[in-house]
């Protein structure tokens, strides 16, 4: 039965981990209190007291990641994107998200989302992308005064400088090398020199005006719309659209590794896997 508390389980000297332990490890890494008010991070489906011996980490809860988690013998699927965002008016087993919820329950898989709290964390999505771009002197694009000064808090987005000036074309080429499967889209003069970079993983267009106000040369994010591109042109801000998937899938392995470190520290026998079949939904007809 769901939501029933259970005490720790001991087999000899070995402690069996529970869903509550996974939640605690995630909270230590990316505190859930950092999540935006509109967000729905945390335990979405499952029993806090249930045993966990194997965890899978993925970007999304999809039929594919659920199947992979089930066939891999996982009891917990940790994703960046929440499956449940809004209240239900009906729970139909032939429609999403109910069909995914039912499949998770039938397979004994507990669903946990670490969304905007991971975006805000110092080892989260934005900081990971900033490290991959080798940005120096980073500061957040937006910061919540409630959490400023906390060790794990990094704020939303990032602004930093490349080690050296380069053209927009060269910068775009470097990103394509970093993410060879990405369908990059650029806005701006390829020949212009760039150095100060703003970024926000996922859908970051809402922070574009902040990037403009900070005098950034380029804003890297995903899901830019047509009129946002026109606004960037007008303001002299170059854009690089990495795509939502590419800009956030990069956190899956680091998050899994953080869980492995927590598991080792807790001296419990839990295996942490990453989804291998998850892929970018968009593709180019030219390959």
C-alpha atoms as a PDB file:
ATOM      1  CA  UNK A   1       0.000   0.000   0.000  1.00  0.00           C
ATOM      2  CA  UNK A   2       1.336   3.424  -0.955  1.00  0.00           C
ATOM      3  CA  UNK A   3       2.522   6.099   1.486  1.00  0.00           C
ATOM      4  CA  UNK A   4       3.088   3.660   4.327  1.00  0.00           C
ATOM      5  CA  UNK A   5       6.168   4.355   6.444  1.00  0.00           C
ATOM      6  CA  UNK A   6       8.482   1.430   7.118  1.00  0.00           C
ATOM      7  CA  UNK A   7      11.529   1.174   9.395  1.00  0.00           C
ATOM      8  CA  UNK A   8      15.012   0.497   7.972  1.00  0.00           C
ATOM      9  CA  UNK A   9      15.523  -3.117   6.946  1.00  0.00           C
ATOM     10  CA  UNK A  10      18.663  -5.020   7.984  1.00  0.00           C
ATOM     11  CA  UNK A  11      20.003  -8.228   6.433  1.00  0.00           C
ATOM     12  CA  UNK A  12      22.914  -9.118   8.700  1.00  0.00           C
ATOM     13  CA  UNK A  13      25.160  -6.065   8.590  1.00  0.00           C
ATOM     14  CA  UNK A  14      23.675  -4.792   5.321  1.00  0.00           C
ATOM     15  CA  UNK A  15      21.140  -1.943   5.317  1.00  0.00           C
ATOM     16  CA  UNK A  16      18.482  -1.965   2.608  1.00  0.00           C
ATOM     17  CA  UNK A  17      17.857   1.501   1.129  1.00  0.00           C
ATOM     18  CA  UNK A  18      14.367   2.926   0.817  1.00  0.00           C
ATOM     19  CA  UNK A  19      12.732   5.554  -1.385  1.00  0.00           C
ATOM     20  CA  UNK A  20      13.089   8.049   1.477  1.00  0.00           C
ATOM     21  CA  UNK A  21      16.853   7.506   1.349  1.00  0.00           C
ATOM     22  CA  UNK A  22      16.921   8.293  -2.365  1.00  0.00           C
ATOM     23  CA  UNK A  23      14.945  11.463  -1.654  1.00  0.00           C
ATOM     24  CA  UNK A  24      17.428  12.443   1.062  1.00  0.00           C
ATOM     25  CA  UNK A  25      20.417  11.872  -1.238  1.00  0.00           C
ATOM     26  CA  UNK A  26      18.816  13.999  -3.943  1.00  0.00           C
ATOM     27  CA  UNK A  27      17.903  16.713  -1.458  1.00  0.00           C
ATOM     28  CA  UNK A  28      21.492  16.888  -0.226  1.00  0.00           C
ATOM     29  CA  UNK A  29      22.677  17.287  -3.825  1.00  0.00           C
ATOM     30  CA  UNK A  30      19.966  19.674  -5.092  1.00  0.00           C
ATOM     31  CA  UNK A  31      17.748  20.826  -2.196  1.00  0.00           C
ATOM     32  CA  UNK A  32      14.068  20.563  -3.085  1.00  0.00           C
ATOM     33  CA  UNK A  33      13.413  23.931  -1.401  1.00  0.00           C
ATOM     34  CA  UNK A  34      15.191  25.586  -4.354  1.00  0.00           C
ATOM     35  CA  UNK A  35      12.420  24.500  -6.738  1.00  0.00           C
ATOM     36  CA  UNK A  36      10.290  27.236  -8.305  1.00  0.00           C
ATOM     37  CA  UNK A  37       6.849  27.797  -6.807  1.00  0.00           C
ATOM     38  CA  UNK A  38       5.143  26.545  -9.987  1.00  0.00           C
ATOM     39  CA  UNK A  39       7.266  23.400 -10.139  1.00  0.00           C
ATOM     40  CA  UNK A  40       6.375  19.887  -9.010  1.00  0.00           C
ATOM     41  CA  UNK A  41       9.659  18.286  -8.009  1.00  0.00           C
ATOM     42  CA  UNK A  42       9.864  15.430  -5.520  1.00  0.00           C
ATOM     43  CA  UNK A  43       8.298  11.983  -5.139  1.00  0.00           C
ATOM     44  CA  UNK A  44       5.510  11.851  -7.713  1.00  0.00           C
ATOM     45  CA  UNK A  45       4.487   8.210  -7.681  1.00  0.00           C
ATOM     46  CA  UNK A  46       5.428   5.649  -5.067  1.00  0.00           C
ATOM     47  CA  UNK A  47       5.830   4.526  -1.492  1.00  0.00           C
ATOM     48  CA  UNK A  48       8.390   6.417   0.637  1.00  0.00           C
ATOM     49  CA  UNK A  49       9.061   3.272   2.671  1.00  0.00           C
ATOM     50  CA  UNK A  50       9.597   0.885  -0.232  1.00  0.00           C
ATOM     51  CA  UNK A  51      12.927  -0.897  -0.722  1.00  0.00           C
ATOM     52  CA  UNK A  52      15.281   0.242  -3.470  1.00  0.00           C
ATOM     53  CA  UNK A  53      18.135  -1.866  -4.817  1.00  0.00           C
ATOM     54  CA  UNK A  54      18.491  -0.326  -8.264  1.00  0.00           C
ATOM     55  CA  UNK A  55      17.883   3.226  -9.548  1.00  0.00           C
ATOM     56  CA  UNK A  56      17.700   4.525 -13.105  1.00  0.00           C
ATOM     57  CA  UNK A  57      18.332   8.187 -13.980  1.00  0.00           C
ATOM     58  CA  UNK A  58      16.817   9.752 -17.112  1.00  0.00           C
ATOM     59  CA  UNK A  59      15.656  13.090 -18.472  1.00  0.00           C
ATOM     60  CA  UNK A  60      11.985  12.141 -18.932  1.00  0.00           C
ATOM     61  CA  UNK A  61       9.397   9.588 -17.874  1.00  0.00           C
ATOM     62  CA  UNK A  62       8.419   8.024 -21.196  1.00  0.00           C
ATOM     63  CA  UNK A  63       7.196   4.587 -22.284  1.00  0.00           C
ATOM     64  CA  UNK A  64      10.798   3.914 -23.307  1.00  0.00           C
ATOM     65  CA  UNK A  65      12.479   4.910 -20.045  1.00  0.00           C
ATOM     66  CA  UNK A  66       9.835   3.087 -18.002  1.00  0.00           C
ATOM     67  CA  UNK A  67      10.366  -0.077 -20.052  1.00  0.00           C
ATOM     68  CA  UNK A  68      14.134   0.225 -19.712  1.00  0.00           C
ATOM     69  CA  UNK A  69      13.834   0.741 -15.957  1.00  0.00           C
ATOM     70  CA  UNK A  70      11.519  -2.257 -15.622  1.00  0.00           C
ATOM     71  CA  UNK A  71      13.641  -4.602 -17.744  1.00  0.00           C
ATOM     72  CA  UNK A  72      16.741  -3.488 -15.808  1.00  0.00           C
ATOM     73  CA  UNK A  73      15.092  -4.421 -12.526  1.00  0.00           C
ATOM     74  CA  UNK A  74      14.952  -0.865 -11.181  1.00  0.00           C
ATOM     75  CA  UNK A  75      12.619   0.097  -8.354  1.00  0.00           C
ATOM     76  CA  UNK A  76      13.141   3.848  -8.782  1.00  0.00           C
ATOM     77  CA  UNK A  77      13.230   6.132 -11.830  1.00  0.00           C
ATOM     78  CA  UNK A  78      14.736   9.559 -11.143  1.00  0.00           C
ATOM     79  CA  UNK A  79      14.097  12.118 -13.890  1.00  0.00           C
ATOM     80  CA  UNK A  80      14.781  15.801 -14.399  1.00  0.00           C
ATOM     81  CA  UNK A  81      11.360  16.543 -15.882  1.00  0.00           C
ATOM     82  CA  UNK A  82       8.297  15.847 -13.717  1.00  0.00           C
ATOM     83  CA  UNK A  83       5.658  13.562 -15.180  1.00  0.00           C
ATOM     84  CA  UNK A  84       2.899  15.257 -13.165  1.00  0.00           C
ATOM     85  CA  UNK A  85       2.540  19.018 -13.441  1.00  0.00           C
ATOM     86  CA  UNK A  86      -1.167  19.802 -13.253  1.00  0.00           C
ATOM     87  CA  UNK A  87      -4.150  18.493 -11.313  1.00  0.00           C
ATOM     88  CA  UNK A  88      -6.083  15.650 -12.959  1.00  0.00           C
ATOM     89  CA  UNK A  89      -9.709  15.941 -14.034  1.00  0.00           C
ATOM     90  CA  UNK A  90      -9.706  12.266 -14.957  1.00  0.00           C
ATOM     91  CA  UNK A  91      -7.388   9.287 -14.564  1.00  0.00           C
ATOM     92  CA  UNK A  92      -7.876   7.347 -17.793  1.00  0.00           C
ATOM     93  CA  UNK A  93      -5.620   4.394 -18.354  1.00  0.00           C
ATOM     94  CA  UNK A  94      -5.567   5.019 -22.117  1.00  0.00           C
ATOM     95  CA  UNK A  95      -4.214   8.566 -21.830  1.00  0.00           C
ATOM     96  CA  UNK A  96      -1.010  10.185 -20.631  1.00  0.00           C
ATOM     97  CA  UNK A  97       0.099  10.714 -17.928  1.00  0.00           C
ATOM     98  CA  UNK A  98      -2.230   8.142 -16.331  1.00  0.00           C
ATOM     99  CA  UNK A  99      -1.035   5.305 -18.570  1.00  0.00           C
ATOM    100  CA  UNK A 100       2.566   5.995 -17.503  1.00  0.00           C
ATOM    101  CA  UNK A 101       1.580   6.219 -13.839  1.00  0.00           C
ATOM    102  CA  UNK A 102      -0.258   2.898 -14.051  1.00  0.00           C
ATOM    103  CA  UNK A 103       2.683   1.250 -15.812  1.00  0.00           C
ATOM    104  CA  UNK A 104       5.050   2.540 -13.137  1.00  0.00           C
ATOM    105  CA  UNK A 105       2.831   1.163 -10.364  1.00  0.00           C
ATOM    106  CA  UNK A 106       2.382  -2.210 -12.097  1.00  0.00           C
ATOM    107  CA  UNK A 107       6.151  -2.544 -12.430  1.00  0.00           C
ATOM    108  CA  UNK A 108       6.867  -1.406  -8.883  1.00  0.00           C
ATOM    109  CA  UNK A 109       8.758   1.689 -10.069  1.00  0.00           C
ATOM    110  CA  UNK A 110       8.737   4.809  -7.894  1.00  0.00           C
ATOM    111  CA  UNK A 111       9.016   8.124  -9.760  1.00  0.00           C
ATOM    112  CA  UNK A 112      11.042  11.069  -8.436  1.00  0.00           C
ATOM    113  CA  UNK A 113      11.576  14.382 -10.261  1.00  0.00           C
ATOM    114  CA  UNK A 114      14.439  16.807  -9.627  1.00  0.00           C
ATOM    115  CA  UNK A 115      13.532  19.720 -11.859  1.00  0.00           C
ATOM    116  CA  UNK A 116      14.103  23.410 -11.101  1.00  0.00           C
ATOM    117  CA  UNK A 117      15.878  22.569  -7.853  1.00  0.00           C
ATOM    118  CA  UNK A 118      18.513  20.843 -10.001  1.00  0.00           C
ATOM    119  CA  UNK A 119      18.591  23.833 -12.354  1.00  0.00           C
ATOM    120  CA  UNK A 120      19.423  26.058  -9.371  1.00  0.00           C
ATOM    121  CA  UNK A 121      21.987  23.783  -7.706  1.00  0.00           C
ATOM    122  CA  UNK A 122      25.739  24.318  -7.909  1.00  0.00           C
ATOM    123  CA  UNK A 123      26.187  20.927  -9.581  1.00  0.00           C
ATOM    124  CA  UNK A 124      23.009  21.238 -11.628  1.00  0.00           C
ATOM    125  CA  UNK A 125      22.122  21.652 -15.284  1.00  0.00           C
ATOM    126  CA  UNK A 126      23.300  25.233 -15.786  1.00  0.00           C
ATOM    127  CA  UNK A 127      26.581  24.815 -13.956  1.00  0.00           C
ATOM    128  CA  UNK A 128      27.293  21.608 -15.869  1.00  0.00           C
ATOM    129  CA  UNK A 129      26.817  23.375 -19.214  1.00  0.00           C
ATOM    130  CA  UNK A 130      28.954  26.318 -18.032  1.00  0.00           C
ATOM    131  CA  UNK A 131      31.754  23.890 -17.151  1.00  0.00           C
ATOM    132  CA  UNK A 132      31.490  22.173 -20.522  1.00  0.00           C
ATOM    133  CA  UNK A 133      31.807  25.571 -22.236  1.00  0.00           C
ATOM    134  CA  UNK A 134      34.788  26.398 -19.970  1.00  0.00           C
ATOM    135  CA  UNK A 135      33.202  29.661 -18.867  1.00  0.00           C
ATOM    136  CA  UNK A 136      35.135  31.724 -16.347  1.00  0.00           C
ATOM    137  CA  UNK A 137      33.897  34.057 -13.598  1.00  0.00           C
ATOM    138  CA  UNK A 138      30.330  32.739 -13.680  1.00  0.00           C
ATOM    139  CA  UNK A 139      27.414  34.423 -11.933  1.00  0.00           C
ATOM    140  CA  UNK A 140      23.683  33.612 -12.131  1.00  0.00           C
ATOM    141  CA  UNK A 141      21.320  35.300 -14.554  1.00  0.00           C
ATOM    142  CA  UNK A 142      18.647  35.305 -11.863  1.00  0.00           C
ATOM    143  CA  UNK A 143      18.910  34.620  -8.144  1.00  0.00           C
ATOM    144  CA  UNK A 144      16.414  34.003  -5.335  1.00  0.00           C
ATOM    145  CA  UNK A 145      17.392  36.105  -2.285  1.00  0.00           C
ATOM    146  CA  UNK A 146      16.034  33.404   0.020  1.00  0.00           C
ATOM    147  CA  UNK A 147      18.848  31.029  -0.899  1.00  0.00           C
ATOM    148  CA  UNK A 148      21.722  33.365  -1.714  1.00  0.00           C
ATOM    149  CA  UNK A 149      24.787  32.447   0.274  1.00  0.00           C
ATOM    150  CA  UNK A 150      23.832  28.787   0.668  1.00  0.00           C
ATOM    151  CA  UNK A 151      26.621  26.422  -0.327  1.00  0.00           C
ATOM    152  CA  UNK A 152      24.514  24.369  -2.751  1.00  0.00           C
ATOM    153  CA  UNK A 153      22.736  27.337  -4.400  1.00  0.00           C
ATOM    154  CA  UNK A 154      23.954  28.705  -7.741  1.00  0.00           C
ATOM    155  CA  UNK A 155      20.887  30.550  -9.045  1.00  0.00           C
ATOM    156  CA  UNK A 156      19.147  30.254 -12.399  1.00  0.00           C
ATOM    157  CA  UNK A 157      21.169  30.358 -15.590  1.00  0.00           C
ATOM    158  CA  UNK A 158      24.742  31.576 -15.772  1.00  0.00           C
ATOM    159  CA  UNK A 159      26.842  34.366 -17.268  1.00  0.00           C
ATOM    160  CA  UNK A 160      30.558  33.916 -17.807  1.00  0.00           C
ATOM    161  CA  UNK A 161      33.414  34.522 -20.225  1.00  0.00           C
ATOM    162  CA  UNK A 162      35.080  32.209 -22.693  1.00  0.00           C
ATOM    163  CA  UNK A 163      38.834  31.767 -22.160  1.00  0.00           C
ATOM    164  CA  UNK A 164      39.385  33.779 -25.354  1.00  0.00           C
ATOM    165  CA  UNK A 165      37.490  35.786 -27.936  1.00  0.00           C
ATOM    166  CA  UNK A 166      36.253  33.850 -30.970  1.00  0.00           C
ATOM    167  CA  UNK A 167      33.769  34.329 -33.773  1.00  0.00           C
ATOM    168  CA  UNK A 168      30.169  33.232 -33.382  1.00  0.00           C
ATOM    169  CA  UNK A 169      30.814  30.684 -36.145  1.00  0.00           C
ATOM    170  CA  UNK A 170      33.739  29.203 -34.197  1.00  0.00           C
ATOM    171  CA  UNK A 171      31.700  29.133 -30.986  1.00  0.00           C
ATOM    172  CA  UNK A 172      28.852  27.358 -32.778  1.00  0.00           C
ATOM    173  CA  UNK A 173      31.307  24.842 -34.238  1.00  0.00           C
ATOM    174  CA  UNK A 174      32.693  24.106 -30.773  1.00  0.00           C
ATOM    175  CA  UNK A 175      29.174  23.461 -29.484  1.00  0.00           C
ATOM    176  CA  UNK A 176      28.473  21.136 -32.403  1.00  0.00           C
ATOM    177  CA  UNK A 177      31.616  19.176 -31.491  1.00  0.00           C
ATOM    178  CA  UNK A 178      30.498  18.990 -27.858  1.00  0.00           C
ATOM    179  CA  UNK A 179      27.015  17.832 -28.873  1.00  0.00           C
ATOM    180  CA  UNK A 180      27.408  16.052 -32.226  1.00  0.00           C
ATOM    181  CA  UNK A 181      23.810  14.860 -32.316  1.00  0.00           C
ATOM    182  CA  UNK A 182      22.263  18.275 -31.663  1.00  0.00           C
ATOM    183  CA  UNK A 183      20.269  20.209 -34.265  1.00  0.00           C
ATOM    184  CA  UNK A 184      21.815  23.615 -33.513  1.00  0.00           C
ATOM    185  CA  UNK A 185      20.163  26.860 -34.606  1.00  0.00           C
ATOM    186  CA  UNK A 186      22.051  30.168 -34.501  1.00  0.00           C
ATOM    187  CA  UNK A 187      20.908  33.782 -34.683  1.00  0.00           C
ATOM    188  CA  UNK A 188      23.438  36.538 -35.440  1.00  0.00           C
ATOM    189  CA  UNK A 189      26.389  37.427 -37.648  1.00  0.00           C
ATOM    190  CA  UNK A 190      28.746  34.446 -37.868  1.00  0.00           C
ATOM    191  CA  UNK A 191      31.749  36.794 -38.129  1.00  0.00           C
ATOM    192  CA  UNK A 192      31.049  38.786 -34.964  1.00  0.00           C
ATOM    193  CA  UNK A 193      33.483  38.349 -32.060  1.00  0.00           C
ATOM    194  CA  UNK A 194      31.980  36.826 -28.919  1.00  0.00           C
ATOM    195  CA  UNK A 195      33.234  36.191 -25.417  1.00  0.00           C
ATOM    196  CA  UNK A 196      30.609  36.939 -22.751  1.00  0.00           C
ATOM    197  CA  UNK A 197      28.140  34.061 -22.748  1.00  0.00           C
ATOM    198  CA  UNK A 198      24.770  33.756 -21.020  1.00  0.00           C
ATOM    199  CA  UNK A 199      23.084  30.383 -20.767  1.00  0.00           C
ATOM    200  CA  UNK A 200      19.996  28.719 -19.391  1.00  0.00           C
ATOM    201  CA  UNK A 201      19.332  25.047 -19.997  1.00  0.00           C
ATOM    202  CA  UNK A 202      15.891  23.949 -21.173  1.00  0.00           C
ATOM    203  CA  UNK A 203      13.511  26.734 -22.214  1.00  0.00           C
ATOM    204  CA  UNK A 204      15.343  29.881 -21.156  1.00  0.00           C
ATOM    205  CA  UNK A 205      13.856  32.546 -23.412  1.00  0.00           C
ATOM    206  CA  UNK A 206      12.219  34.185 -20.399  1.00  0.00           C
ATOM    207  CA  UNK A 207      15.708  35.230 -19.261  1.00  0.00           C
ATOM    208  CA  UNK A 208      16.719  36.739 -22.611  1.00  0.00           C
ATOM    209  CA  UNK A 209      16.086  40.331 -21.507  1.00  0.00           C
ATOM    210  CA  UNK A 210      18.420  39.775 -18.560  1.00  0.00           C
ATOM    211  CA  UNK A 211      21.111  38.566 -20.947  1.00  0.00           C
ATOM    212  CA  UNK A 212      20.588  41.702 -23.027  1.00  0.00           C
ATOM    213  CA  UNK A 213      20.746  43.927 -19.937  1.00  0.00           C
ATOM    214  CA  UNK A 214      24.004  42.248 -18.862  1.00  0.00           C
ATOM    215  CA  UNK A 215      25.570  43.085 -22.231  1.00  0.00           C
ATOM    216  CA  UNK A 216      26.138  39.463 -23.196  1.00  0.00           C
ATOM    217  CA  UNK A 217      27.352  38.567 -26.668  1.00  0.00           C
ATOM    218  CA  UNK A 218      25.534  35.223 -26.895  1.00  0.00           C
ATOM    219  CA  UNK A 219      22.632  33.530 -25.123  1.00  0.00           C
ATOM    220  CA  UNK A 220      22.669  29.717 -25.207  1.00  0.00           C
ATOM    221  CA  UNK A 221      19.408  27.934 -24.419  1.00  0.00           C
ATOM    222  CA  UNK A 222      16.651  25.922 -26.091  1.00  0.00           C
ATOM    223  CA  UNK A 223      13.165  26.315 -27.550  1.00  0.00           C
ATOM    224  CA  UNK A 224      13.594  29.856 -28.925  1.00  0.00           C
ATOM    225  CA  UNK A 225      10.595  31.117 -30.903  1.00  0.00           C
ATOM    226  CA  UNK A 226      10.584  33.252 -34.056  1.00  0.00           C
ATOM    227  CA  UNK A 227       9.747  36.584 -32.433  1.00  0.00           C
ATOM    228  CA  UNK A 228      12.294  35.966 -29.690  1.00  0.00           C
ATOM    229  CA  UNK A 229      14.920  35.527 -32.402  1.00  0.00           C
ATOM    230  CA  UNK A 230      13.829  38.823 -33.971  1.00  0.00           C
ATOM    231  CA  UNK A 231      14.053  40.559 -30.596  1.00  0.00           C
ATOM    232  CA  UNK A 232      17.585  39.208 -30.133  1.00  0.00           C
ATOM    233  CA  UNK A 233      18.586  40.487 -33.583  1.00  0.00           C
ATOM    234  CA  UNK A 234      17.212  43.909 -32.721  1.00  0.00           C
ATOM    235  CA  UNK A 235      19.144  43.991 -29.432  1.00  0.00           C
ATOM    236  CA  UNK A 236      22.405  42.720 -30.927  1.00  0.00           C
ATOM    237  CA  UNK A 237      22.335  39.479 -28.942  1.00  0.00           C
ATOM    238  CA  UNK A 238      23.402  36.314 -30.733  1.00  0.00           C
ATOM    239  CA  UNK A 239      21.455  33.152 -29.915  1.00  0.00           C
ATOM    240  CA  UNK A 240      22.441  29.508 -29.934  1.00  0.00           C
ATOM    241  CA  UNK A 241      19.493  27.130 -29.653  1.00  0.00           C
ATOM    242  CA  UNK A 242      20.860  23.816 -28.409  1.00  0.00           C
ATOM    243  CA  UNK A 243      17.432  22.262 -28.145  1.00  0.00           C
ATOM    244  CA  UNK A 244      15.679  21.393 -24.912  1.00  0.00           C
ATOM    245  CA  UNK A 245      16.811  17.777 -24.859  1.00  0.00           C
ATOM    246  CA  UNK A 246      20.470  18.434 -25.617  1.00  0.00           C
ATOM    247  CA  UNK A 247      20.821  21.292 -23.151  1.00  0.00           C
ATOM    248  CA  UNK A 248      19.498  19.182 -20.256  1.00  0.00           C
ATOM    249  CA  UNK A 249      20.308  15.544 -21.076  1.00  0.00           C
ATOM    250  CA  UNK A 250      23.892  16.420 -20.157  1.00  0.00           C
ATOM    251  CA  UNK A 251      22.959  16.280 -16.445  1.00  0.00           C
ATOM    252  CA  UNK A 252      21.873  12.618 -16.411  1.00  0.00           C
ATOM    253  CA  UNK A 253      25.303  11.031 -15.949  1.00  0.00           C
ATOM    254  CA  UNK A 254      26.547  13.627 -13.393  1.00  0.00           C
ATOM    255  CA  UNK A 255      23.350  13.157 -11.378  1.00  0.00           C
ATOM    256  CA  UNK A 256      23.777   9.387 -11.486  1.00  0.00           C
ATOM    257  CA  UNK A 257      27.373   9.765 -10.321  1.00  0.00           C
ATOM    258  CA  UNK A 258      26.267  11.996  -7.426  1.00  0.00           C
ATOM    259  CA  UNK A 259      23.843   9.254  -6.382  1.00  0.00           C
ATOM    260  CA  UNK A 260      26.622   6.655  -6.597  1.00  0.00           C
ATOM    261  CA  UNK A 261      28.765   8.769  -4.268  1.00  0.00           C
ATOM    262  CA  UNK A 262      25.843   9.085  -1.831  1.00  0.00           C
ATOM    263  CA  UNK A 263      25.219   5.328  -1.987  1.00  0.00           C
ATOM    264  CA  UNK A 264      28.870   4.596  -1.220  1.00  0.00           C
ATOM    265  CA  UNK A 265      28.841   7.051   1.679  1.00  0.00           C
ATOM    266  CA  UNK A 266      25.702   5.440   3.107  1.00  0.00           C
ATOM    267  CA  UNK A 267      27.256   1.954   2.811  1.00  0.00           C
ATOM    268  CA  UNK A 268      24.155   0.488   1.192  1.00  0.00           C
ATOM    269  CA  UNK A 269      23.972  -1.866  -1.772  1.00  0.00           C
ATOM    270  CA  UNK A 270      22.220   0.158  -4.461  1.00  0.00           C
ATOM    271  CA  UNK A 271      23.131   0.167  -8.148  1.00  0.00           C
ATOM    272  CA  UNK A 272      22.626   3.392 -10.121  1.00  0.00           C
ATOM    273  CA  UNK A 273      22.082   3.165 -13.887  1.00  0.00           C
ATOM    274  CA  UNK A 274      21.413   5.724 -16.612  1.00  0.00           C
ATOM    275  CA  UNK A 275      18.840   5.337 -19.372  1.00  0.00           C
ATOM    276  CA  UNK A 276      20.585   4.299 -22.588  1.00  0.00           C
ATOM    277  CA  UNK A 277      17.682   4.344 -25.036  1.00  0.00           C
ATOM    278  CA  UNK A 278      16.588   7.953 -24.400  1.00  0.00           C
ATOM    279  CA  UNK A 279      17.021  10.114 -27.521  1.00  0.00           C
ATOM    280  CA  UNK A 280      16.359  13.577 -28.923  1.00  0.00           C
ATOM    281  CA  UNK A 281      12.808  13.582 -30.354  1.00  0.00           C
ATOM    282  CA  UNK A 282      13.705  16.014 -33.179  1.00  0.00           C
ATOM    283  CA  UNK A 283      15.877  15.032 -36.122  1.00  0.00           C
ATOM    284  CA  UNK A 284      16.929  16.400 -39.489  1.00  0.00           C
ATOM    285  CA  UNK A 285      15.708  14.684 -42.689  1.00  0.00           C
ATOM    286  CA  UNK A 286      19.253  15.144 -44.023  1.00  0.00           C
ATOM    287  CA  UNK A 287      20.570  13.006 -41.154  1.00  0.00           C
END
